[in-house]
Amino acid sequence: MTMNKEEIKKYIDANLLTKQEAMRATGQNIKGFDQTVASGKLQPFYDHGEGRSRVRLYHRDDVEAYARQAEKRRRETYKEIWTVVIDGHKRPVYSEDDARKIAEEAAFKSNKVYIEYYRAADGQEAFFNPDGYGFESVNWAD
C-alpha cells in the first residue's frame, strides 16, 4: 500500500513526537531523557542527519510504554511521589515542598495545574491541593 503525502503527514502528526513532546510525556528533564535514549531504553523511530541538523522523532506508542514503565519503577522505588500536572503534562517530584513550589509558579502561566499524590506504603492515592490533601482535585491556577 502506498501512502500519499497527506496520509504520511497525518500519520506523523498522530504517531510521532519530537524530543520536547516525548520529554513531557515521560516527565523527564533533558538530562534524564538523553540518558534514557543513550541507554537504549527508548529509541528514536526516525533518526536522520548529523549535528545541529539531526532530526529524531519518537513513536507515541514507544514513549507511552516507556512512561508507564518509568512510573511503575518510581512507585516501586520511592516512598512518596507528588506528580505535578501542568496543562496535561506530568512532572514527578519527590517532596511536598518542591511540588507546592512548582505548582504555585505554574499557576501564573498555565490554565490547569494539579498535584497527584502517591504513597507506596499503602498504595494511597490522593490530590495535594492548595488547602491540603483530598480525594478531589483543586486547580492551583484558580
Protein backbone atom coordinates (compact mmCIF):
# COMPACT_ATOMS: atom_id res chain seq x y z
CA MET A 1 0.00 0.00 0.00
CA THR A 2 1.38 3.37 -1.00
CA MET A 3 0.58 6.41 1.10
CA ASN A 4 0.32 9.83 -0.44
CA LYS A 5 1.99 12.85 1.15
CA GLU A 6 -1.14 13.92 3.02
CA GLU A 7 -1.58 10.43 4.53
CA ILE A 8 2.08 10.40 5.59
CA LYS A 9 1.67 13.81 7.25
CA LYS A 10 -1.45 12.62 9.10
CA TYR A 11 0.43 9.53 10.30
CA ILE A 12 3.36 11.63 11.52
CA ASP A 13 1.08 14.10 13.32
CA ALA A 14 -0.84 11.29 15.03
CA ASN A 15 2.04 8.97 15.92
CA LEU A 16 5.42 10.71 16.10
CA LEU A 17 6.70 13.00 18.84
CA THR A 18 9.52 15.50 18.95
CA LYS A 19 12.09 15.30 21.74
CA GLN A 20 10.29 18.03 23.69
CA GLU A 21 6.94 16.27 23.36
CA ALA A 22 8.47 12.93 24.39
CA MET A 23 10.16 14.58 27.40
CA ARG A 24 6.80 15.99 28.56
CA ALA A 25 5.11 12.63 28.08
CA THR A 26 7.74 10.83 30.18
CA GLY A 27 8.02 13.58 32.80
CA GLN A 28 11.77 13.84 32.26
CA ASN A 29 14.16 16.74 32.00
CA ILE A 30 16.65 16.90 29.12
CA LYS A 31 19.46 15.14 31.02
CA GLY A 32 17.22 12.26 32.09
CA PHE A 33 15.70 11.91 28.64
CA ASP A 34 19.11 11.91 26.95
CA GLN A 35 20.27 9.19 29.37
CA THR A 36 17.19 7.12 28.57
CA VAL A 37 17.93 7.34 24.84
CA ALA A 38 21.69 6.75 25.27
CA SER A 39 20.99 3.62 27.35
CA GLY A 40 18.70 2.24 24.65
CA LYS A 41 15.61 2.17 26.88
CA LEU A 42 13.87 4.43 24.36
CA GLN A 43 14.97 4.61 20.74
CA PRO A 44 14.03 7.12 18.07
CA PHE A 45 11.58 5.83 15.50
CA TYR A 46 13.17 8.16 12.94
CA ASP A 47 16.79 9.36 13.14
CA HIS A 48 18.31 11.29 10.23
CA GLY A 49 21.12 13.79 9.77
CA GLU A 50 24.07 14.90 11.84
CA GLY A 51 24.95 17.60 14.35
CA ARG A 52 22.55 20.51 14.59
CA SER A 53 20.56 19.34 11.57
CA ARG A 54 19.83 15.93 13.09
CA VAL A 55 16.15 15.03 13.29
CA ARG A 56 14.92 12.45 15.79
CA LEU A 57 11.28 11.55 16.18
CA TYR A 58 9.87 9.11 18.73
CA HIS A 59 6.87 6.87 18.22
CA ARG A 60 4.00 7.71 20.56
CA ASP A 61 3.41 4.04 21.46
CA ASP A 62 7.08 3.57 22.46
CA VAL A 63 7.11 6.77 24.53
CA GLU A 64 3.85 5.91 26.30
CA ALA A 65 5.08 2.38 27.06
CA TYR A 66 8.34 3.76 28.48
CA ALA A 67 6.40 6.34 30.54
CA ARG A 68 4.26 3.55 32.07
CA GLN A 69 7.38 1.53 32.92
CA ALA A 70 9.09 4.58 34.43
CA GLU A 71 6.02 5.36 36.55
CA LYS A 72 5.93 1.76 37.78
CA ARG A 73 9.65 1.92 38.70
CA ARG A 74 9.14 5.24 40.52
CA ARG A 75 6.28 3.78 42.52
CA GLU A 76 8.42 0.79 43.49
CA THR A 77 11.45 2.93 44.36
CA TYR A 78 10.13 5.99 46.21
CA LYS A 79 8.09 6.12 49.41
CA GLU A 80 6.11 9.14 48.22
CA ILE A 81 5.65 10.78 44.84
CA TRP A 82 3.97 14.07 44.00
CA THR A 83 3.19 14.43 40.30
CA VAL A 84 2.61 18.00 39.19
CA VAL A 85 0.28 18.05 36.20
CA ILE A 86 0.55 21.27 34.20
CA ASP A 87 -1.88 21.58 31.29
CA GLY A 88 -1.89 17.78 30.99
CA HIS A 89 1.89 17.32 31.17
CA LYS A 90 3.15 15.33 34.16
CA ARG A 91 6.28 16.04 36.18
CA PRO A 92 7.11 13.73 39.10
CA VAL A 93 8.82 15.27 42.15
CA TYR A 94 9.83 13.73 45.44
CA SER A 95 8.99 16.30 48.08
CA GLU A 96 5.84 18.16 49.06
CA ASP A 97 7.72 21.47 49.16
CA ASP A 98 9.02 21.03 45.59
CA ALA A 99 5.55 20.09 44.35
CA ARG A 100 3.99 23.15 46.00
CA LYS A 101 6.67 25.48 44.62
CA ILE A 102 6.32 24.14 41.06
CA ALA A 103 2.51 24.32 41.18
CA GLU A 104 2.49 27.86 42.57
CA GLU A 105 4.88 29.07 39.86
CA ALA A 106 2.98 27.27 37.09
CA ALA A 107 -0.36 28.65 38.27
CA PHE A 108 0.59 32.09 36.93
CA LYS A 109 1.34 30.79 33.42
CA SER A 110 -0.97 27.81 32.93
CA ASN A 111 -4.69 27.13 32.90
CA LYS A 112 -4.78 23.79 34.70
CA VAL A 113 -2.36 22.80 37.46
CA TYR A 114 -2.95 19.80 39.72
CA ILE A 115 -0.81 17.70 42.03
CA GLU A 116 -1.35 13.95 42.27
CA TYR A 117 0.00 12.17 45.35
CA TYR A 118 1.05 8.54 45.79
CA ARG A 119 2.28 6.80 48.97
CA ALA A 120 3.94 3.41 48.40
CA ALA A 121 3.46 2.02 51.93
CA ASP A 122 -0.27 1.51 51.47
CA GLY A 123 -0.88 2.45 47.83
CA GLN A 124 -2.71 5.63 48.88
CA GLU A 125 -3.55 7.95 46.00
CA ALA A 126 -4.92 11.45 46.52
CA PHE A 127 -4.55 15.03 45.37
CA PHE A 128 -2.38 17.62 47.07
CA ASN A 129 -4.40 20.83 46.87
CA PRO A 130 -3.61 24.40 47.97
CA ASP A 131 -5.63 23.78 51.16
CA GLY A 132 -4.30 20.25 51.87
CA TYR A 133 -4.81 16.67 50.75
CA GLY A 134 -8.09 15.33 49.40
CA PHE A 135 -9.71 12.86 47.06
CA GLU A 136 -10.92 15.55 44.66
CA SER A 137 -8.55 17.76 42.73
CA VAL A 138 -8.44 21.53 43.02
CA ASN A 139 -6.92 23.57 40.20
CA TRP A 140 -3.96 25.57 41.57
CA ALA A 141 -4.49 28.09 38.72
CA ASP A 142 -7.94 29.12 40.00
